[in-house]
């Protein structure tokens, strides 16, 4: 069997909701992707809109639920599948589904801030039990924040008004900027 991997850019059509399956958490949301092209008159024109259902599994599902909101521009990469079903009216239906390996808010359309997450106790004790097991002790990361924390605050040990060089007009080394961590329980 051949897998078809696609990358789609578009807009989230709904807010993702977190679900707990028998063995793992998951979410899904819809993405509308409209082709734009230049017509014969040199004007940008909207083409047909394709709708995709995006499915995201495990800990990534929680990240997507916290990061993607209805109307956000998104970029999704994943395995393309066709879902077929019989609707309540008896008609056969089909839809395009992307099982995502990557989902991101499109930074070409607005500012995005990144916060790495550490999921403690994300795995159920037994399938379907809904009880969480602690992930175990680990090193404390000085850049990690508990839960959503104050994402606008600078990481511990940094002054909000200057960079490492002390020159407020010079941004200095931006390595790691915006890459704080979220710790979720």
N, C-alpha and C. Protein backbone atom coordinates (compact mmCIF):
# COMPACT_ATOMS: atom_id res chain seq x y z
N UNK A 1 0.83 -1.17 0.00
CA UNK A 1 0.00 0.00 0.00
C UNK A 1 0.89 1.24 0.00
N UNK A 2 0.50 2.23 -0.79
CA UNK A 2 1.24 3.48 -0.85
C UNK A 2 0.53 4.54 -0.03
N UNK A 3 1.29 5.24 0.78
CA UNK A 3 0.75 6.37 1.52
C UNK A 3 0.95 7.62 0.69
N UNK A 4 -0.03 8.49 0.70
CA UNK A 4 0.07 9.77 0.01
C UNK A 4 0.23 10.83 1.09
N UNK A 5 1.38 11.49 1.11
CA UNK A 5 1.63 12.56 2.07
C UNK A 5 1.35 13.89 1.39
N UNK A 6 0.58 14.74 2.06
CA UNK A 6 0.22 16.04 1.51
C UNK A 6 0.53 17.14 2.53
N UNK A 7 0.72 18.33 2.02
CA UNK A 7 0.80 19.53 2.84
C UNK A 7 -0.26 20.48 2.34
N UNK A 8 -1.11 20.94 3.25
CA UNK A 8 -2.23 21.81 2.90
C UNK A 8 -2.15 23.07 3.75
N UNK A 9 -2.33 24.21 3.10
CA UNK A 9 -2.47 25.45 3.87
C UNK A 9 -3.90 25.95 3.68
N UNK A 10 -4.45 26.50 4.74
CA UNK A 10 -5.82 26.98 4.69
C UNK A 10 -6.20 27.59 6.02
N UNK A 11 -7.48 27.56 6.33
CA UNK A 11 -7.99 28.16 7.55
C UNK A 11 -8.80 27.13 8.34
N UNK A 12 -8.62 27.13 9.67
CA UNK A 12 -9.36 26.22 10.53
C UNK A 12 -10.84 26.60 10.49
N UNK A 13 -11.69 25.61 10.21
CA UNK A 13 -13.12 25.85 10.10
C UNK A 13 -13.87 25.71 11.41
N UNK A 14 -13.22 25.16 12.42
CA UNK A 14 -13.84 25.00 13.74
C UNK A 14 -12.74 24.88 14.80
N UNK A 15 -13.13 25.00 16.06
CA UNK A 15 -12.19 24.79 17.15
C UNK A 15 -12.01 23.30 17.37
N UNK A 16 -10.77 22.80 17.44
CA UNK A 16 -10.57 21.39 17.75
C UNK A 16 -11.05 21.08 19.16
N UNK A 17 -11.61 19.90 19.35
CA UNK A 17 -12.04 19.44 20.68
C UNK A 17 -11.27 18.17 21.02
N UNK A 18 -10.83 18.06 22.26
CA UNK A 18 -10.06 16.90 22.70
C UNK A 18 -11.00 15.75 23.04
N UNK A 19 -10.70 14.55 22.55
CA UNK A 19 -11.47 13.35 22.82
C UNK A 19 -10.54 12.29 23.40
N UNK A 20 -11.07 11.43 24.24
CA UNK A 20 -10.28 10.32 24.78
C UNK A 20 -10.81 9.03 24.19
N UNK A 21 -9.98 8.36 23.39
CA UNK A 21 -10.35 7.07 22.83
C UNK A 21 -10.05 5.97 23.82
N UNK A 22 -10.14 4.73 23.36
CA UNK A 22 -9.89 3.59 24.25
C UNK A 22 -8.45 3.57 24.74
N UNK A 23 -7.53 4.01 23.89
CA UNK A 23 -6.12 3.92 24.26
C UNK A 23 -5.38 5.25 24.24
N UNK A 24 -5.93 6.24 23.57
CA UNK A 24 -5.19 7.50 23.42
C UNK A 24 -6.12 8.67 23.14
N UNK A 25 -5.60 9.87 23.40
CA UNK A 25 -6.38 11.07 23.13
C UNK A 25 -6.22 11.45 21.66
N UNK A 26 -7.23 12.16 21.16
CA UNK A 26 -7.18 12.60 19.77
C UNK A 26 -8.06 13.83 19.60
N UNK A 27 -7.85 14.52 18.50
CA UNK A 27 -8.70 15.65 18.14
C UNK A 27 -8.88 15.66 16.64
N UNK A 28 -9.88 16.38 16.20
CA UNK A 28 -10.05 16.61 14.76
C UNK A 28 -10.61 18.01 14.57
N UNK A 29 -10.31 18.57 13.42
CA UNK A 29 -10.87 19.86 13.05
C UNK A 29 -10.90 19.92 11.53
N UNK A 30 -11.65 20.88 11.01
CA UNK A 30 -11.80 21.02 9.56
C UNK A 30 -10.91 22.15 9.07
N UNK A 31 -10.35 21.96 7.87
CA UNK A 31 -9.53 22.99 7.22
C UNK A 31 -10.10 23.25 5.84
N UNK A 32 -10.28 24.53 5.53
CA UNK A 32 -10.72 24.95 4.20
C UNK A 32 -9.50 25.51 3.47
N UNK A 33 -9.25 25.00 2.28
CA UNK A 33 -8.13 25.47 1.47
C UNK A 33 -8.67 25.94 0.13
N UNK A 34 -8.48 27.22 -0.16
CA UNK A 34 -8.99 27.81 -1.39
C UNK A 34 -7.82 28.20 -2.28
N UNK A 35 -7.81 27.65 -3.48
CA UNK A 35 -6.76 27.97 -4.45
C UNK A 35 -6.97 29.40 -4.93
N UNK A 36 -5.87 30.15 -5.01
CA UNK A 36 -5.93 31.50 -5.58
C UNK A 36 -5.04 31.51 -6.81
N UNK A 37 -5.53 32.15 -7.84
CA UNK A 37 -4.76 32.22 -9.09
C UNK A 37 -5.00 33.56 -9.76
N UNK A 38 -4.10 33.90 -10.69
CA UNK A 38 -4.25 35.13 -11.44
C UNK A 38 -5.03 34.82 -12.71
N UNK A 39 -6.13 35.54 -12.91
CA UNK A 39 -6.96 35.30 -14.10
C UNK A 39 -6.37 35.99 -15.33
N UNK A 40 -7.08 35.90 -16.46
CA UNK A 40 -6.61 36.47 -17.72
C UNK A 40 -6.43 37.98 -17.67
N UNK A 41 -7.13 38.64 -16.75
CA UNK A 41 -7.05 40.10 -16.61
C UNK A 41 -5.95 40.52 -15.64
N UNK A 42 -5.21 39.55 -15.10
CA UNK A 42 -4.15 39.86 -14.15
C UNK A 42 -4.65 40.12 -12.74
N UNK A 43 -5.86 39.68 -12.43
CA UNK A 43 -6.45 39.86 -11.11
C UNK A 43 -6.41 38.55 -10.33
N UNK A 44 -6.18 38.66 -9.03
CA UNK A 44 -6.22 37.47 -8.19
C UNK A 44 -7.66 37.03 -8.01
N UNK A 45 -7.89 35.73 -8.19
CA UNK A 45 -9.23 35.17 -8.13
C UNK A 45 -9.24 33.93 -7.25
N UNK A 46 -10.33 33.75 -6.49
CA UNK A 46 -10.48 32.54 -5.68
C UNK A 46 -10.99 31.41 -6.56
N UNK A 47 -10.36 30.25 -6.40
CA UNK A 47 -10.83 29.04 -7.07
C UNK A 47 -11.76 28.28 -6.14
N UNK A 48 -11.89 27.00 -6.40
CA UNK A 48 -12.74 26.14 -5.57
C UNK A 48 -12.11 25.95 -4.19
N UNK A 49 -12.96 25.78 -3.19
CA UNK A 49 -12.50 25.52 -1.82
C UNK A 49 -12.61 24.03 -1.55
N UNK A 50 -11.50 23.43 -1.10
CA UNK A 50 -11.50 22.03 -0.67
C UNK A 50 -11.54 22.00 0.85
N UNK A 51 -12.37 21.11 1.40
CA UNK A 51 -12.45 20.92 2.85
C UNK A 51 -11.80 19.60 3.22
N UNK A 52 -10.99 19.63 4.28
CA UNK A 52 -10.32 18.44 4.80
C UNK A 52 -10.68 18.30 6.28
N UNK A 53 -10.83 17.07 6.73
CA UNK A 53 -10.89 16.79 8.16
C UNK A 53 -9.48 16.41 8.57
N UNK A 54 -8.96 17.07 9.59
CA UNK A 54 -7.61 16.79 10.08
C UNK A 54 -7.74 16.05 11.40
N UNK A 55 -7.07 14.91 11.50
CA UNK A 55 -7.06 14.13 12.75
C UNK A 55 -5.65 14.14 13.32
N UNK A 56 -5.57 14.36 14.64
CA UNK A 56 -4.29 14.41 15.33
C UNK A 56 -4.39 13.52 16.56
N UNK A 57 -3.37 12.72 16.82
CA UNK A 57 -3.40 11.72 17.88
C UNK A 57 -2.38 12.00 18.97
N UNK A 58 -2.62 11.38 20.11
CA UNK A 58 -1.73 11.35 21.28
C UNK A 58 -1.47 12.76 21.83
N UNK A 59 -0.28 12.99 22.36
CA UNK A 59 0.03 14.26 23.02
C UNK A 59 -0.06 15.44 22.05
N UNK A 60 0.19 15.19 20.77
CA UNK A 60 0.08 16.28 19.79
C UNK A 60 -1.35 16.82 19.72
N UNK A 61 -2.33 15.98 20.03
CA UNK A 61 -3.73 16.42 20.01
C UNK A 61 -3.95 17.54 21.01
N UNK A 62 -3.39 17.42 22.20
CA UNK A 62 -3.53 18.47 23.22
C UNK A 62 -2.88 19.76 22.74
N UNK A 63 -1.71 19.66 22.13
CA UNK A 63 -1.05 20.85 21.60
C UNK A 63 -1.92 21.55 20.57
N UNK A 64 -2.54 20.78 19.68
CA UNK A 64 -3.39 21.36 18.64
C UNK A 64 -4.62 22.02 19.26
N UNK A 65 -5.24 21.37 20.24
CA UNK A 65 -6.42 21.95 20.90
C UNK A 65 -6.08 23.30 21.52
N UNK A 66 -4.89 23.42 22.12
CA UNK A 66 -4.48 24.66 22.77
C UNK A 66 -3.97 25.72 21.79
N UNK A 67 -3.61 25.31 20.57
CA UNK A 67 -2.94 26.23 19.64
C UNK A 67 -3.78 26.69 18.46
N UNK A 68 -4.72 25.87 18.01
CA UNK A 68 -5.49 26.17 16.80
C UNK A 68 -6.90 26.59 17.18
N UNK A 69 -7.37 27.65 16.56
CA UNK A 69 -8.71 28.17 16.82
C UNK A 69 -9.40 28.46 15.49
N UNK A 70 -10.71 28.41 15.51
CA UNK A 70 -11.51 28.67 14.31
C UNK A 70 -11.06 29.97 13.66
N UNK A 71 -10.81 29.90 12.35
CA UNK A 71 -10.39 31.07 11.59
C UNK A 71 -8.89 31.23 11.48
N UNK A 72 -8.11 30.50 12.29
CA UNK A 72 -6.65 30.62 12.22
C UNK A 72 -6.12 30.07 10.90
N UNK A 73 -5.11 30.76 10.32
CA UNK A 73 -4.44 30.19 9.15
C UNK A 73 -3.53 29.05 9.63
N UNK A 74 -3.62 27.89 8.99
CA UNK A 74 -2.84 26.73 9.41
C UNK A 74 -2.15 26.07 8.22
N UNK A 75 -1.10 25.33 8.54
CA UNK A 75 -0.42 24.47 7.58
C UNK A 75 -0.42 23.07 8.19
N UNK A 76 -0.88 22.09 7.42
CA UNK A 76 -1.01 20.72 7.90
C UNK A 76 -0.27 19.78 6.95
N UNK A 77 0.53 18.89 7.50
CA UNK A 77 1.19 17.84 6.72
C UNK A 77 0.77 16.51 7.31
N UNK A 78 0.47 15.56 6.43
CA UNK A 78 0.09 14.24 6.92
C UNK A 78 -0.32 13.30 5.81
N UNK A 79 -0.84 12.16 6.22
CA UNK A 79 -1.26 11.10 5.29
C UNK A 79 -2.69 11.37 4.84
N UNK A 80 -2.89 11.44 3.53
CA UNK A 80 -4.22 11.70 2.96
C UNK A 80 -4.97 10.39 2.81
N UNK A 81 -6.22 10.40 3.25
CA UNK A 81 -7.10 9.23 3.14
C UNK A 81 -8.47 9.70 2.69
N UNK A 82 -9.26 8.78 2.17
CA UNK A 82 -10.65 9.07 1.82
C UNK A 82 -11.53 8.31 2.80
N UNK A 83 -12.42 9.04 3.46
CA UNK A 83 -13.36 8.45 4.41
C UNK A 83 -14.70 8.32 3.70
N UNK A 84 -15.28 7.11 3.72
CA UNK A 84 -16.57 6.87 3.07
C UNK A 84 -17.57 6.38 4.11
N UNK A 85 -18.82 6.87 4.02
CA UNK A 85 -19.86 6.48 4.96
C UNK A 85 -21.23 6.67 4.32
N UNK A 86 -22.22 6.08 4.97
CA UNK A 86 -23.61 6.25 4.55
C UNK A 86 -24.26 7.27 5.48
N UNK A 87 -24.77 8.33 4.91
CA UNK A 87 -25.41 9.40 5.68
C UNK A 87 -26.78 8.95 6.17
N UNK A 88 -27.34 9.63 7.17
CA UNK A 88 -28.67 9.28 7.68
C UNK A 88 -29.75 9.26 6.60
N UNK A 89 -29.56 10.05 5.53
CA UNK A 89 -30.55 10.07 4.45
C UNK A 89 -30.37 8.90 3.48
N UNK A 90 -29.39 8.01 3.78
CA UNK A 90 -29.16 6.83 2.96
C UNK A 90 -28.19 7.04 1.81
N UNK A 91 -27.73 8.25 1.60
CA UNK A 91 -26.79 8.54 0.50
C UNK A 91 -25.37 8.22 0.91
N UNK A 92 -24.61 7.72 -0.05
CA UNK A 92 -23.20 7.45 0.18
C UNK A 92 -22.45 8.78 0.16
N UNK A 93 -21.56 8.96 1.13
CA UNK A 93 -20.78 10.20 1.24
C UNK A 93 -19.30 9.85 1.31
N UNK A 94 -18.48 10.84 1.01
CA UNK A 94 -17.04 10.68 1.16
C UNK A 94 -16.42 12.01 1.54
N UNK A 95 -15.29 11.95 2.21
CA UNK A 95 -14.58 13.15 2.61
C UNK A 95 -13.09 12.89 2.63
N UNK A 96 -12.31 13.95 2.52
CA UNK A 96 -10.86 13.86 2.56
C UNK A 96 -10.39 14.04 4.00
N UNK A 97 -9.56 13.11 4.46
CA UNK A 97 -9.06 13.13 5.84
C UNK A 97 -7.54 13.15 5.79
N UNK A 98 -6.94 14.03 6.59
CA UNK A 98 -5.48 14.06 6.73
C UNK A 98 -5.16 13.61 8.15
N UNK A 99 -4.44 12.50 8.29
CA UNK A 99 -3.93 12.08 9.59
C UNK A 99 -2.60 12.81 9.75
N UNK A 100 -2.61 13.84 10.57
CA UNK A 100 -1.51 14.81 10.61
C UNK A 100 -0.26 14.29 11.31
N UNK A 101 0.87 14.57 10.70
CA UNK A 101 2.16 14.38 11.35
C UNK A 101 2.70 15.73 11.82
N UNK A 102 2.18 16.82 11.25
CA UNK A 102 2.57 18.17 11.67
C UNK A 102 1.41 19.13 11.44
N UNK A 103 1.17 19.99 12.42
CA UNK A 103 0.14 21.03 12.33
C UNK A 103 0.76 22.30 12.90
N UNK A 104 0.60 23.39 12.18
CA UNK A 104 1.12 24.66 12.69
C UNK A 104 0.26 25.83 12.28
N UNK A 105 0.28 26.86 13.11
CA UNK A 105 -0.35 28.11 12.73
C UNK A 105 0.59 28.77 11.73
N UNK A 106 0.06 29.28 10.62
CA UNK A 106 0.85 29.82 9.51
C UNK A 106 1.43 31.18 9.88
N UNK A 107 2.73 31.22 10.14
CA UNK A 107 3.40 32.45 10.56
C UNK A 107 3.57 33.45 9.42
N UNK A 108 3.29 33.05 8.19
CA UNK A 108 3.35 34.02 7.09
C UNK A 108 2.13 34.92 7.09
N UNK A 109 1.13 34.59 7.89
CA UNK A 109 -0.11 35.37 7.93
C UNK A 109 -0.31 36.10 9.27
N UNK A 110 0.63 35.95 10.17
CA UNK A 110 0.52 36.62 11.47
C UNK A 110 1.61 36.15 12.40
N UNK A 111 1.71 36.79 13.55
CA UNK A 111 2.74 36.46 14.53
C UNK A 111 2.34 35.24 15.35
N UNK A 112 3.27 34.36 15.56
CA UNK A 112 3.04 33.13 16.32
C UNK A 112 4.15 33.02 17.36
N UNK A 113 3.80 32.64 18.58
CA UNK A 113 4.80 32.39 19.61
C UNK A 113 4.79 30.91 19.93
N UNK A 114 5.97 30.33 20.04
CA UNK A 114 6.11 28.90 20.28
C UNK A 114 6.42 28.64 21.75
N UNK A 115 5.81 27.63 22.31
CA UNK A 115 6.12 27.18 23.67
C UNK A 115 6.15 25.66 23.65
N UNK A 116 7.31 25.08 23.94
CA UNK A 116 7.46 23.63 23.96
C UNK A 116 6.65 23.06 25.12
N UNK A 117 6.01 21.92 24.92
CA UNK A 117 5.21 21.31 25.98
C UNK A 117 5.87 20.05 26.51
N UNK A 118 5.68 19.84 27.79
CA UNK A 118 6.11 18.60 28.43
C UNK A 118 4.85 18.01 29.03
N UNK A 119 4.42 16.88 28.53
CA UNK A 119 3.18 16.26 29.00
C UNK A 119 3.51 15.24 30.08
N UNK A 120 3.09 15.54 31.30
CA UNK A 120 3.26 14.59 32.40
C UNK A 120 1.96 13.82 32.55
N UNK A 121 2.08 12.50 32.61
CA UNK A 121 0.89 11.69 32.86
C UNK A 121 -0.08 11.68 31.71
N UNK A 122 0.42 11.76 30.48
CA UNK A 122 -0.48 11.81 29.33
C UNK A 122 -1.00 10.44 28.94
N UNK A 123 -0.36 9.37 29.42
CA UNK A 123 -0.78 8.03 29.01
C UNK A 123 -1.72 7.42 30.04
N UNK A 124 -2.83 6.82 29.61
CA UNK A 124 -3.73 6.18 30.56
C UNK A 124 -3.07 4.97 31.21
N UNK A 125 -3.45 4.68 32.46
CA UNK A 125 -2.90 3.53 33.17
C UNK A 125 -3.24 2.25 32.43
N UNK A 126 -4.48 2.11 32.05
CA UNK A 126 -4.91 0.99 31.23
C UNK A 126 -5.80 1.55 30.14
N UNK A 127 -5.85 0.89 28.98
CA UNK A 127 -6.67 1.41 27.90
C UNK A 127 -8.11 1.64 28.36
N UNK A 128 -8.60 2.86 28.12
CA UNK A 128 -9.98 3.17 28.44
C UNK A 128 -10.25 3.51 29.89
N UNK A 129 -9.23 3.43 30.76
CA UNK A 129 -9.47 3.68 32.18
C UNK A 129 -9.62 5.16 32.49
N UNK A 130 -8.99 5.99 31.67
CA UNK A 130 -9.06 7.42 31.90
C UNK A 130 -8.18 7.89 33.05
N UNK A 131 -7.51 6.97 33.76
CA UNK A 131 -6.64 7.36 34.85
C UNK A 131 -5.26 7.60 34.29
N UNK A 132 -4.63 8.65 34.79
CA UNK A 132 -3.33 9.03 34.26
C UNK A 132 -2.21 8.51 35.13
N UNK A 133 -1.12 8.17 34.49
CA UNK A 133 0.06 7.68 35.17
C UNK A 133 1.12 8.77 35.08
N UNK A 134 1.80 9.06 36.17
CA UNK A 134 2.85 10.07 36.15
C UNK A 134 3.97 9.61 35.23
N UNK A 135 4.57 10.55 34.54
CA UNK A 135 5.63 10.23 33.59
C UNK A 135 6.94 9.94 34.30
N UNK A 136 7.05 10.25 35.57
CA UNK A 136 8.27 10.01 36.31
C UNK A 136 9.08 11.28 36.46
N UNK A 137 10.08 11.25 37.33
CA UNK A 137 10.86 12.46 37.57
C UNK A 137 11.75 12.78 36.37
N UNK A 138 12.03 14.03 36.20
CA UNK A 138 12.92 14.47 35.13
C UNK A 138 13.64 15.72 35.57
N UNK A 139 14.55 16.18 34.74
CA UNK A 139 15.26 17.40 35.07
C UNK A 139 14.32 18.59 34.98
N UNK A 140 14.54 19.55 35.83
CA UNK A 140 13.74 20.77 35.80
C UNK A 140 14.33 21.69 34.74
N UNK A 141 13.49 22.15 33.83
CA UNK A 141 13.92 23.06 32.78
C UNK A 141 13.62 24.48 33.22
N UNK A 142 14.62 25.36 33.26
CA UNK A 142 14.38 26.72 33.73
C UNK A 142 13.44 27.51 32.81
N UNK A 143 13.24 27.05 31.58
CA UNK A 143 12.37 27.75 30.64
C UNK A 143 10.95 27.19 30.64
N UNK A 144 10.72 26.08 31.34
CA UNK A 144 9.39 25.48 31.36
C UNK A 144 8.46 26.29 32.24
N UNK A 145 7.21 26.34 31.83
CA UNK A 145 6.19 26.98 32.65
C UNK A 145 5.12 25.96 32.95
N UNK A 146 4.50 26.07 34.11
CA UNK A 146 3.48 25.12 34.51
C UNK A 146 2.15 25.50 33.85
N UNK A 147 1.53 24.55 33.18
CA UNK A 147 0.27 24.83 32.49
C UNK A 147 0.48 25.88 31.43
N UNK A 148 -0.46 26.77 31.28
CA UNK A 148 -0.30 27.82 30.29
C UNK A 148 0.54 28.96 30.82
N UNK A 149 0.61 29.12 32.13
CA UNK A 149 1.47 30.13 32.72
C UNK A 149 1.24 31.51 32.13
N UNK A 150 2.21 32.37 32.31
CA UNK A 150 2.16 33.71 31.74
C UNK A 150 3.07 33.71 30.53
N UNK A 151 2.51 33.48 29.36
CA UNK A 151 3.31 33.34 28.15
C UNK A 151 3.91 34.65 27.69
N UNK A 152 3.44 35.78 28.22
CA UNK A 152 4.01 37.06 27.83
C UNK A 152 5.21 37.45 28.69
N UNK A 153 5.41 36.75 29.79
CA UNK A 153 6.53 37.05 30.68
C UNK A 153 7.81 36.48 30.10
N UNK A 154 8.94 37.16 30.32
CA UNK A 154 10.21 36.60 29.83
C UNK A 154 10.57 35.36 30.63
N UNK A 155 11.37 34.46 30.03
CA UNK A 155 11.81 33.28 30.77
C UNK A 155 12.58 33.69 32.02
N UNK A 156 12.65 32.81 33.02
CA UNK A 156 13.36 33.13 34.26
C UNK A 156 14.78 33.59 33.97
N UNK A 157 15.22 34.65 34.66
CA UNK A 157 16.59 35.13 34.51
C UNK A 157 16.77 36.13 33.39
N UNK A 158 15.71 36.44 32.63
CA UNK A 158 15.84 37.41 31.54
C UNK A 158 15.09 38.67 31.89
N UNK A 159 15.65 39.80 31.48
CA UNK A 159 15.01 41.10 31.68
C UNK A 159 14.18 41.39 30.44
N UNK A 160 12.94 41.80 30.62
CA UNK A 160 12.04 42.05 29.50
C UNK A 160 12.49 43.22 28.65
N UNK A 161 13.31 44.14 29.18
CA UNK A 161 13.64 45.35 28.44
C UNK A 161 14.97 45.34 27.73
N UNK A 162 15.78 44.32 27.87
CA UNK A 162 17.08 44.34 27.20
C UNK A 162 17.48 42.94 26.80
N UNK A 163 18.50 42.87 25.95
CA UNK A 163 19.02 41.58 25.54
C UNK A 163 20.33 41.33 26.28
N UNK A 164 20.99 40.23 25.93
CA UNK A 164 22.22 39.86 26.62
C UNK A 164 23.32 40.89 26.43
N UNK A 165 23.29 41.64 25.31
CA UNK A 165 24.34 42.62 25.04
C UNK A 165 24.12 43.90 25.83
N UNK A 166 22.91 44.10 26.39
CA UNK A 166 22.61 45.31 27.11
C UNK A 166 22.19 46.45 26.21
N UNK A 167 22.24 46.26 24.90
CA UNK A 167 21.85 47.28 23.93
C UNK A 167 20.41 47.03 23.51
N UNK A 168 19.49 47.90 23.95
CA UNK A 168 18.08 47.68 23.69
C UNK A 168 17.71 47.86 22.23
N UNK A 169 18.54 48.57 21.44
CA UNK A 169 18.26 48.74 20.01
C UNK A 169 18.76 47.57 19.18
N UNK A 170 19.63 46.75 19.75
CA UNK A 170 20.19 45.61 19.05
C UNK A 170 19.52 44.35 19.60
N UNK A 171 18.83 43.60 18.76
CA UNK A 171 18.14 42.42 19.28
C UNK A 171 19.07 41.34 19.79
N UNK A 172 20.34 41.38 19.43
CA UNK A 172 21.28 40.39 19.93
C UNK A 172 21.00 39.00 19.38
N UNK A 173 21.41 37.98 20.12
CA UNK A 173 21.22 36.60 19.70
C UNK A 173 19.79 36.17 20.02
N UNK A 174 19.02 35.82 19.00
CA UNK A 174 17.63 35.43 19.20
C UNK A 174 17.46 33.91 19.29
N UNK A 175 18.56 33.17 19.38
CA UNK A 175 18.48 31.73 19.50
C UNK A 175 17.66 31.36 20.72
N UNK A 176 16.63 30.57 20.50
CA UNK A 176 15.81 30.11 21.61
C UNK A 176 14.71 31.06 22.03
N UNK A 177 14.66 32.26 21.45
CA UNK A 177 13.60 33.21 21.81
C UNK A 177 12.26 32.64 21.39
N UNK A 178 11.30 32.72 22.26
CA UNK A 178 9.96 32.21 21.96
C UNK A 178 9.86 30.70 22.08
N UNK A 179 10.89 30.05 22.62
CA UNK A 179 10.85 28.60 22.72
C UNK A 179 10.81 28.17 24.18
N UNK A 180 9.92 28.80 24.94
CA UNK A 180 9.72 28.38 26.32
C UNK A 180 8.89 27.11 26.33
N UNK A 181 8.85 26.44 27.44
CA UNK A 181 8.15 25.16 27.52
C UNK A 181 6.91 25.26 28.39
N UNK A 182 5.87 24.55 27.97
CA UNK A 182 4.67 24.42 28.77
C UNK A 182 4.71 23.07 29.46
N UNK A 183 4.34 23.03 30.71
CA UNK A 183 4.24 21.77 31.43
C UNK A 183 2.77 21.56 31.72
N UNK A 184 2.23 20.46 31.23
CA UNK A 184 0.82 20.18 31.45
C UNK A 184 0.67 19.00 32.37
N UNK A 185 -0.36 19.03 33.16
CA UNK A 185 -0.60 17.92 34.09
C UNK A 185 -1.63 16.99 33.51
